[in-house]
Amino acid sequence: MKHFISISALFFILFFTQHFYAQEIMHFDEDGYQAALQRSKKEHKPILYMVYATWCQHCNKMKAEVLTDPEVKDFLTKNFVCAWQDIEKGEGEMFKQQFGVKMFPTFLFLDENGTVLYNINGELKSAELIAEAKTALIPEKQLPFLKKDFYDNPANADKCLAYIMTLRKGKDRKELALPAQTYLATQKEAQLVSAINWRIIANAVSDVNAREFKYVLQHQKEFATVASPVRVQRKIINIVEETLKPFAENLDTIGYKKARADLKALNIKTADSLVFKSDVIISENVGNWSAYKKATMDGAEKFAWDNATLLKQIAQNYRVHYADTASLKYGIKMAEQSEKLSESYDGYVLLSKLYLKINDKQTAITYARKAKEMTVKLGWNSKEADDLFLELGI
């Protein structure tokens, strides 16, 4: 009897487990892009293509928490041909090139001919994904309709904004520039200061040399009355960051120099701190230590004097990459300011090593002892401080 009960219980567990996971798994077609188009024509349903990366935490979270939701599964499978593509395999490169996929996850809503009807990216909750999918089914909310509706009347601000805000859900910000420029070209400068024009500029203008951005710089107080001073300043800061960031990340020193020159020519006071930080990042990453020295000596005291972490990083680079006394003393100045802001064990070790490098052994000993005292007080590993003691002969 016991044996029979055990077998029955095992059978029930296996059956229940299989049934449970069958309910969780949402089927996505993996037969390829052309197969999805053919299914769309045959079933008379648009396509929902999820483009993901295996390393993307947002993709994996949605797979585990959203795409297992019965309500999501039911709505999507009833209304769409559902397919997905790993960006790093098979047709992944085609999706990058043809659809401009850069963020993950990206959800492409396509018709049977592969025309993009709607496009969203990023992590969404179940209700959000269903809401967006419902919107994607409404012809008047789809990109082809909104695009034609706008270009048929490019002086209409409401139609421009509707197209831009839908396009913005799935496209790189640079893709928004053309409709914004098309509409704003119909506006005289005196007409630019309005609430709806501000929304178009704020959401779609990203070129520091654009007429509209220059006009915003020259009329910040006026735009602040239709937006707010904070929003205007945030837009200026964002556009500076967007201008410099790609060059700094890709170590494109030629492009960076040109972009930097454009920003400097505009004389944007709020941009100076961002330019300084970008100068530091790109010169450090390419190993241009003469440029790094110039950037930090020109700007560290203006723009990093209250940033203990950045000051310590600068001091560490001075210790490693410079040998002349003047440079090392400047590194000491950075490290000492960092310690004033936030006392730290590694900061004391760094100061000891800097002073030792300029042959000020007595001060080096003082900071080595401070480091050692901190390890004793906090119960930390003191190996680095102990090694310094040996090096200093104490």
Protein backbone atom coordinates (compact mmCIF):
# COMPACT_ATOMS: atom_id res chain seq x y z
CA MET A 1 0.00 0.00 0.00
CA LYS A 2 2.77 2.43 0.93
CA HIS A 3 4.51 1.67 -2.36
CA PHE A 4 1.27 2.37 -4.25
CA ILE A 5 0.77 5.70 -2.47
CA SER A 6 4.35 6.76 -3.19
CA ILE A 7 3.98 5.94 -6.89
CA SER A 8 0.67 7.81 -7.04
CA ALA A 9 2.12 10.83 -5.26
CA LEU A 10 5.12 10.90 -7.59
CA PHE A 11 2.86 10.69 -10.64
CA PHE A 12 0.74 13.56 -9.32
CA ILE A 13 3.79 15.74 -8.63
CA LEU A 14 5.23 15.12 -12.08
CA PHE A 15 1.89 15.78 -13.77
CA PHE A 16 1.26 18.94 -11.75
CA THR A 17 4.79 20.26 -12.35
CA GLN A 18 4.56 19.69 -16.11
CA HIS A 19 1.12 21.28 -16.20
CA PHE A 20 2.30 24.25 -14.13
CA TYR A 21 5.30 24.98 -16.36
CA ALA A 22 3.21 24.46 -19.50
CA GLN A 23 1.00 27.28 -18.22
CA GLU A 24 4.03 29.48 -17.59
CA ILE A 25 5.75 29.19 -20.95
CA MET A 26 4.65 31.59 -23.67
CA HIS A 27 5.49 30.39 -27.15
CA PHE A 28 7.56 32.66 -29.37
CA ASP A 29 8.19 31.63 -32.96
CA GLU A 30 11.90 31.05 -33.62
CA ASP A 31 11.64 30.01 -37.28
CA GLY A 32 12.99 33.33 -38.54
CA TYR A 33 11.82 36.65 -39.90
CA GLN A 34 10.45 35.41 -43.23
CA ALA A 35 8.51 32.63 -41.50
CA ALA A 36 6.92 35.20 -39.18
CA LEU A 37 5.86 37.30 -42.20
CA GLN A 38 4.30 34.26 -43.83
CA ARG A 39 2.41 33.38 -40.65
CA SER A 40 1.19 36.97 -40.42
CA LYS A 41 -0.23 36.81 -43.95
CA LYS A 42 -1.83 33.44 -43.33
CA GLU A 43 -3.33 34.25 -39.92
CA HIS A 44 -4.19 37.89 -40.74
CA LYS A 45 -2.53 39.13 -37.56
CA PRO A 46 0.28 41.66 -37.05
CA ILE A 47 3.62 40.47 -35.69
CA LEU A 48 5.04 41.15 -32.25
CA TYR A 49 8.80 40.61 -32.45
CA MET A 50 10.76 40.67 -29.19
CA VAL A 51 14.45 41.36 -29.74
CA TYR A 52 16.52 40.49 -26.67
CA ALA A 53 20.00 39.71 -25.40
CA THR A 54 20.77 36.79 -23.10
CA TRP A 55 22.89 39.06 -20.86
CA CYS A 56 20.13 41.70 -20.56
CA GLN A 57 18.70 41.68 -17.02
CA HIS A 58 15.57 43.54 -18.13
CA CYS A 59 14.92 40.95 -20.85
CA ASN A 60 15.35 38.07 -18.43
CA LYS A 61 13.14 39.69 -15.83
CA MET A 62 10.35 40.20 -18.36
CA LYS A 63 10.68 36.60 -19.53
CA ALA A 64 10.36 35.37 -15.95
CA GLU A 65 7.70 37.76 -14.62
CA VAL A 66 5.73 39.25 -17.54
CA LEU A 67 5.78 36.77 -20.41
CA THR A 68 4.67 34.05 -18.00
CA ASP A 69 1.58 36.05 -16.98
CA PRO A 70 -1.53 34.20 -18.27
CA GLU A 71 -3.28 37.48 -19.11
CA VAL A 72 -0.28 38.68 -21.14
CA LYS A 73 0.04 35.33 -22.87
CA ASP A 74 -3.66 35.22 -23.71
CA PHE A 75 -3.83 38.74 -25.14
CA LEU A 76 -0.63 38.57 -27.17
CA THR A 77 -1.18 35.14 -28.68
CA LYS A 78 -4.77 36.01 -29.65
CA ASN A 79 -3.83 39.25 -31.38
CA PHE A 80 -0.31 38.77 -32.73
CA VAL A 81 2.07 36.36 -34.36
CA CYS A 82 4.63 36.31 -31.54
CA ALA A 83 8.28 35.79 -32.44
CA TRP A 84 11.61 36.63 -30.87
CA GLN A 85 15.25 37.01 -31.81
CA ASP A 86 18.48 36.85 -29.84
CA ILE A 87 20.41 39.90 -31.04
CA GLU A 88 23.71 38.00 -30.92
CA LYS A 89 22.57 35.03 -33.01
CA GLY A 90 21.16 34.25 -36.44
CA GLU A 91 19.28 37.23 -37.83
CA GLY A 92 20.23 39.49 -34.94
CA GLU A 93 22.49 41.64 -37.09
CA MET A 94 19.67 42.12 -39.60
CA PHE A 95 17.44 43.48 -36.84
CA LYS A 96 20.16 45.94 -35.88
CA GLN A 97 20.58 47.16 -39.44
CA GLN A 98 16.99 47.07 -40.72
CA PHE A 99 15.16 48.18 -37.58
CA GLY A 100 17.88 50.11 -35.75
CA VAL A 101 17.62 47.98 -32.61
CA LYS A 102 20.03 49.32 -29.99
CA MET A 103 18.22 48.81 -26.69
CA PHE A 104 16.92 45.65 -25.05
CA PRO A 105 14.35 44.38 -24.89
CA THR A 106 12.84 45.94 -28.01
CA PHE A 107 9.30 45.07 -29.05
CA LEU A 108 8.62 45.59 -32.75
CA PHE A 109 5.03 45.55 -33.94
CA LEU A 110 5.08 44.79 -37.68
CA ASP A 111 2.50 44.25 -40.40
CA GLU A 112 2.64 41.31 -42.81
CA ASN A 113 5.06 43.21 -45.06
CA GLY A 114 7.50 44.06 -42.26
CA THR A 115 6.43 47.69 -41.92
CA VAL A 116 6.92 48.96 -38.37
CA LEU A 117 3.54 49.85 -36.89
CA TYR A 118 4.75 50.57 -33.38
CA ASN A 119 7.99 50.22 -31.49
CA ILE A 120 8.76 50.18 -27.78
CA ASN A 121 11.77 49.22 -25.70
CA GLY A 122 12.79 48.74 -22.11
CA GLU A 123 11.39 46.76 -19.20
CA LEU A 124 7.60 46.86 -18.81
CA LYS A 125 5.15 45.42 -16.30
CA SER A 126 2.32 43.13 -17.46
CA ALA A 127 -0.32 45.88 -17.52
CA GLU A 128 2.04 48.23 -19.36
CA LEU A 129 2.87 45.69 -22.06
CA ILE A 130 -0.81 44.87 -22.62
CA ALA A 131 -1.68 48.59 -22.78
CA GLU A 132 1.06 49.26 -25.33
CA ALA A 133 0.05 46.21 -27.37
CA LYS A 134 -3.57 47.43 -27.43
CA THR A 135 -2.41 50.84 -28.64
CA ALA A 136 -0.34 49.15 -31.35
CA LEU A 137 -3.55 47.65 -32.77
CA ILE A 138 -5.24 51.04 -33.29
CA PRO A 139 -4.52 52.31 -36.86
CA GLU A 140 -4.69 55.99 -35.81
CA LYS A 141 -2.01 55.36 -33.16
CA GLN A 142 0.38 53.54 -35.50
CA LEU A 143 3.52 55.14 -36.91
CA PRO A 144 2.59 54.99 -40.62
CA PHE A 145 -0.68 56.87 -39.94
CA LEU A 146 0.96 59.41 -37.61
CA LYS A 147 3.82 60.02 -40.05
CA LYS A 148 1.51 60.67 -43.01
CA ASP A 149 -0.86 62.74 -40.88
CA PHE A 150 2.03 64.97 -39.81
CA TYR A 151 3.80 65.34 -43.17
CA ASP A 152 0.48 66.17 -44.83
CA ASN A 153 0.40 69.22 -42.54
CA PRO A 154 3.95 69.85 -41.20
CA ALA A 155 3.00 73.17 -39.60
CA ASN A 156 0.62 71.44 -37.18
CA ALA A 157 2.26 71.27 -33.75
CA ASP A 158 -0.19 68.75 -32.30
CA LYS A 159 0.39 66.28 -35.15
CA CYS A 160 4.15 66.76 -34.90
CA LEU A 161 4.12 66.09 -31.16
CA ALA A 162 1.88 63.01 -31.53
CA TYR A 163 4.25 61.52 -34.12
CA ILE A 164 7.37 62.37 -32.10
CA MET A 165 6.06 60.97 -28.81
CA THR A 166 5.10 57.66 -30.45
CA LEU A 167 8.37 57.49 -32.38
CA ARG A 168 10.26 58.28 -29.18
CA LYS A 169 9.05 55.09 -27.49
CA GLY A 170 11.32 52.91 -29.57
CA LYS A 171 13.80 55.02 -31.49
CA ASP A 172 17.15 56.57 -30.79
CA ARG A 173 16.76 60.29 -30.03
CA LYS A 174 18.57 61.19 -33.26
CA GLU A 175 15.69 59.64 -35.22
CA LEU A 176 13.36 62.27 -33.78
CA ALA A 177 15.29 65.18 -35.24
CA LEU A 178 13.81 65.14 -38.77
CA PRO A 179 10.12 65.60 -37.92
CA ALA A 180 11.05 68.17 -35.24
CA GLN A 181 13.20 70.13 -37.69
CA THR A 182 10.49 69.90 -40.35
CA TYR A 183 7.89 71.40 -38.02
CA LEU A 184 10.15 73.97 -36.34
CA ALA A 185 11.25 75.25 -39.75
CA THR A 186 7.65 76.46 -40.19
CA GLN A 187 7.98 78.59 -37.04
CA LYS A 188 9.50 82.03 -36.91
CA GLU A 189 11.80 82.65 -33.96
CA ALA A 190 9.22 84.84 -32.30
CA GLN A 191 6.80 81.87 -32.34
CA LEU A 192 9.17 79.36 -30.74
CA VAL A 193 8.38 80.27 -27.14
CA SER A 194 5.19 78.32 -26.47
CA ALA A 195 4.31 75.34 -24.29
CA ILE A 196 3.84 72.92 -27.19
CA ASN A 197 6.97 74.10 -29.01
CA TRP A 198 8.93 73.60 -25.81
CA ARG A 199 7.67 70.01 -25.61
CA ILE A 200 8.77 69.37 -29.19
CA ILE A 201 12.19 70.91 -28.54
CA ALA A 202 12.61 69.13 -25.20
CA ASN A 203 11.72 65.71 -26.65
CA ALA A 204 13.31 65.85 -30.08
CA VAL A 205 16.08 68.44 -30.46
CA SER A 206 19.51 67.02 -29.62
CA ASP A 207 21.89 68.98 -31.84
CA VAL A 208 23.82 71.72 -30.05
CA ASN A 209 24.11 73.58 -33.35
CA ALA A 210 20.38 73.48 -34.06
CA ARG A 211 18.77 76.90 -34.47
CA GLU A 212 16.15 76.02 -31.86
CA PHE A 213 18.67 74.98 -29.22
CA LYS A 214 20.68 78.14 -29.72
CA TYR A 215 17.44 80.10 -29.39
CA VAL A 216 16.69 78.32 -26.09
CA LEU A 217 20.14 79.31 -24.80
CA GLN A 218 19.51 82.93 -25.69
CA HIS A 219 15.96 82.99 -24.25
CA GLN A 220 16.14 80.79 -21.18
CA LYS A 221 13.98 83.11 -19.07
CA GLU A 222 11.21 83.17 -21.68
CA PHE A 223 11.17 79.38 -22.03
CA ALA A 224 11.18 79.05 -18.24
CA THR A 225 7.76 80.76 -18.22
CA VAL A 226 6.22 78.03 -20.43
CA ALA A 227 8.17 75.15 -18.86
CA SER A 228 10.16 75.87 -15.69
CA PRO A 229 13.72 77.03 -14.94
CA VAL A 230 14.61 73.52 -13.78
CA ARG A 231 13.35 71.88 -17.00
CA VAL A 232 15.19 74.37 -19.17
CA GLN A 233 18.46 73.78 -17.32
CA ARG A 234 17.92 70.02 -17.41
CA LYS A 235 17.45 70.16 -21.19
CA ILE A 236 20.68 72.12 -21.61
CA ILE A 237 22.60 69.67 -19.44
CA ASN A 238 21.09 66.64 -21.20
CA ILE A 239 21.96 67.92 -24.65
CA VAL A 240 25.56 68.56 -23.58
CA GLU A 241 25.79 65.03 -22.15
CA GLU A 242 24.26 63.52 -25.30
CA THR A 243 26.73 65.46 -27.44
CA LEU A 244 29.87 64.34 -25.60
CA LYS A 245 28.99 60.88 -24.27
CA PRO A 246 29.16 58.83 -27.52
CA PHE A 247 32.62 60.18 -28.37
CA ALA A 248 33.94 59.63 -24.86
CA GLU A 249 32.54 56.09 -24.70
CA ASN A 250 33.89 55.13 -28.14
CA LEU A 251 37.25 56.87 -27.52
CA ASP A 252 36.71 58.93 -30.67
CA THR A 253 39.16 61.72 -29.88
CA ILE A 254 38.72 63.47 -33.24
CA GLY A 255 34.93 63.61 -33.00
CA TYR A 256 35.21 64.56 -29.33
CA LYS A 257 37.46 67.55 -30.05
CA LYS A 258 35.00 68.88 -32.63
CA ALA A 259 31.98 68.40 -30.36
CA ARG A 260 33.87 69.99 -27.48
CA ALA A 261 34.79 72.98 -29.62
CA ASP A 262 31.15 73.42 -30.64
CA LEU A 263 30.09 73.43 -26.98
CA LYS A 264 32.82 75.85 -25.94
CA ALA A 265 31.81 78.21 -28.73
CA LEU A 266 28.30 78.36 -27.30
CA ASN A 267 29.71 79.52 -23.93
CA ILE A 268 27.29 77.46 -21.85
CA LYS A 269 28.25 77.97 -18.21
CA THR A 270 26.28 74.96 -17.01
CA ALA A 271 28.16 72.79 -19.53
CA ASP A 272 31.65 73.52 -18.22
CA SER A 273 31.51 70.91 -15.45
CA LEU A 274 30.29 68.23 -17.88
CA VAL A 275 33.00 69.14 -20.39
CA PHE A 276 35.62 68.86 -17.63
CA LYS A 277 34.43 65.40 -16.59
CA SER A 278 34.34 64.23 -20.20
CA ASP A 279 37.85 65.60 -20.77
CA VAL A 280 39.07 63.61 -17.77
CA ILE A 281 37.32 60.40 -18.85
CA ILE A 282 38.47 60.39 -22.46
CA SER A 283 42.09 61.42 -21.75
CA GLU A 284 42.32 58.75 -19.03
CA ASN A 285 40.79 56.04 -21.21
CA VAL A 286 43.09 56.71 -24.18
CA GLY A 287 46.12 57.15 -21.92
CA ASN A 288 46.84 60.72 -23.00
CA TRP A 289 48.43 61.80 -19.73
CA SER A 290 49.53 65.23 -20.91
CA ALA A 291 45.90 66.01 -21.81
CA TYR A 292 44.80 64.49 -18.50
CA LYS A 293 47.16 66.75 -16.57
CA LYS A 294 45.94 69.85 -18.39
CA ALA A 295 42.27 68.95 -17.89
CA THR A 296 42.66 68.21 -14.17
CA MET A 297 44.91 71.18 -13.38
CA ASP A 298 42.54 73.51 -15.24
CA GLY A 299 39.30 72.15 -13.84
CA ALA A 300 39.60 69.94 -10.76
CA GLU A 301 39.43 72.78 -8.23
CA LYS A 302 36.51 74.39 -10.08
CA PHE A 303 34.41 71.34 -10.80
CA ALA A 304 35.52 68.45 -8.55
CA TRP A 305 36.50 70.12 -5.28
CA ASP A 306 33.52 68.61 -3.45
CA ASN A 307 33.81 65.14 -5.06
CA ALA A 308 35.99 63.01 -2.79
CA THR A 309 35.93 59.95 -5.05
CA LEU A 310 36.94 61.80 -8.20
CA LEU A 311 39.68 63.74 -6.38
CA LYS A 312 41.12 60.49 -5.01
CA GLN A 313 41.06 58.95 -8.50
CA ILE A 314 42.90 61.98 -9.89
CA ALA A 315 45.50 61.77 -7.12
CA GLN A 316 46.02 58.06 -7.81
CA ASN A 317 46.61 58.73 -11.50
CA TYR A 318 49.13 61.44 -10.61
CA ARG A 319 51.00 59.00 -8.36
CA VAL A 320 51.15 56.34 -11.09
CA HIS A 321 51.72 58.39 -14.23
CA TYR A 322 53.85 61.40 -13.24
CA ALA A 323 57.31 61.62 -11.73
CA ASP A 324 58.02 65.35 -11.51
CA THR A 325 57.67 66.99 -8.12
CA ALA A 326 55.23 69.70 -9.27
CA SER A 327 52.76 67.11 -10.59
CA LEU A 328 53.10 64.92 -7.52
CA LYS A 329 52.47 67.89 -5.22
CA TYR A 330 49.32 68.64 -7.18
CA GLY A 331 48.27 65.01 -6.69
CA ILE A 332 48.88 65.43 -2.96
CA LYS A 333 46.67 68.52 -2.98
CA MET A 334 43.86 66.48 -4.57
CA ALA A 335 44.29 63.60 -2.11
CA GLU A 336 44.36 65.86 0.95
CA GLN A 337 41.16 67.60 -0.15
CA SER A 338 39.57 64.18 -0.69
CA GLU A 339 40.47 63.21 2.89
CA LYS A 340 39.02 66.44 4.24
CA LEU A 341 35.74 65.55 2.57
CA SER A 342 35.76 61.87 3.51
CA GLU A 343 38.41 60.25 5.68
CA SER A 344 39.45 56.85 4.27
CA TYR A 345 42.03 54.13 4.73
CA ASP A 346 42.99 53.97 1.04
CA GLY A 347 43.26 57.78 0.99
CA TYR A 348 45.84 57.71 3.81
CA VAL A 349 47.76 54.95 2.02
CA LEU A 350 47.71 56.98 -1.20
CA LEU A 351 49.00 60.10 0.58
CA SER A 352 51.79 58.11 2.20
CA LYS A 353 52.88 56.78 -1.21
CA LEU A 354 52.70 60.24 -2.82
CA TYR A 355 54.83 61.82 -0.10
CA LEU A 356 57.29 58.96 -0.32
CA LYS A 357 57.56 59.56 -4.07
CA ILE A 358 58.65 63.19 -3.48
CA ASN A 359 61.10 61.96 -0.80
CA ASP A 360 59.19 63.46 2.14
CA LYS A 361 59.64 60.38 4.29
CA GLN A 362 58.49 61.93 7.55
CA THR A 363 55.06 62.94 6.19
CA ALA A 364 54.82 59.57 4.43
CA ILE A 365 55.28 57.89 7.83
CA THR A 366 52.61 60.11 9.38
CA TYR A 367 50.00 59.02 6.83
CA ALA A 368 51.09 55.37 6.97
CA ARG A 369 50.49 55.46 10.74
CA LYS A 370 47.04 57.05 10.20
CA ALA A 371 46.20 54.21 7.82
CA LYS A 372 47.39 51.61 10.32
CA GLU A 373 45.44 53.21 13.16
CA MET A 374 42.27 53.08 11.07
CA THR A 375 42.68 49.37 10.35
CA VAL A 376 43.16 48.63 14.06
CA LYS A 377 40.16 50.76 15.00
CA LEU A 378 37.87 49.16 12.40
CA GLY A 379 39.31 45.65 12.46
CA TRP A 380 40.30 45.70 8.79
CA ASN A 381 43.09 43.87 7.00
CA SER A 382 46.23 46.01 7.38
CA LYS A 383 48.48 44.33 4.79
CA GLU A 384 48.89 47.43 2.59
CA ALA A 385 49.72 49.61 5.59
CA ASP A 386 52.11 46.94 6.91
CA ASP A 387 53.87 46.78 3.52
CA LEU A 388 54.24 50.56 3.64
CA PHE A 389 55.82 50.31 7.09
CA LEU A 390 58.37 47.87 5.71
CA GLU A 391 59.07 50.13 2.74
CA LEU A 392 59.51 53.11 5.05
CA GLY A 393 61.73 51.13 7.41
CA ILE A 394 59.55 51.49 10.52
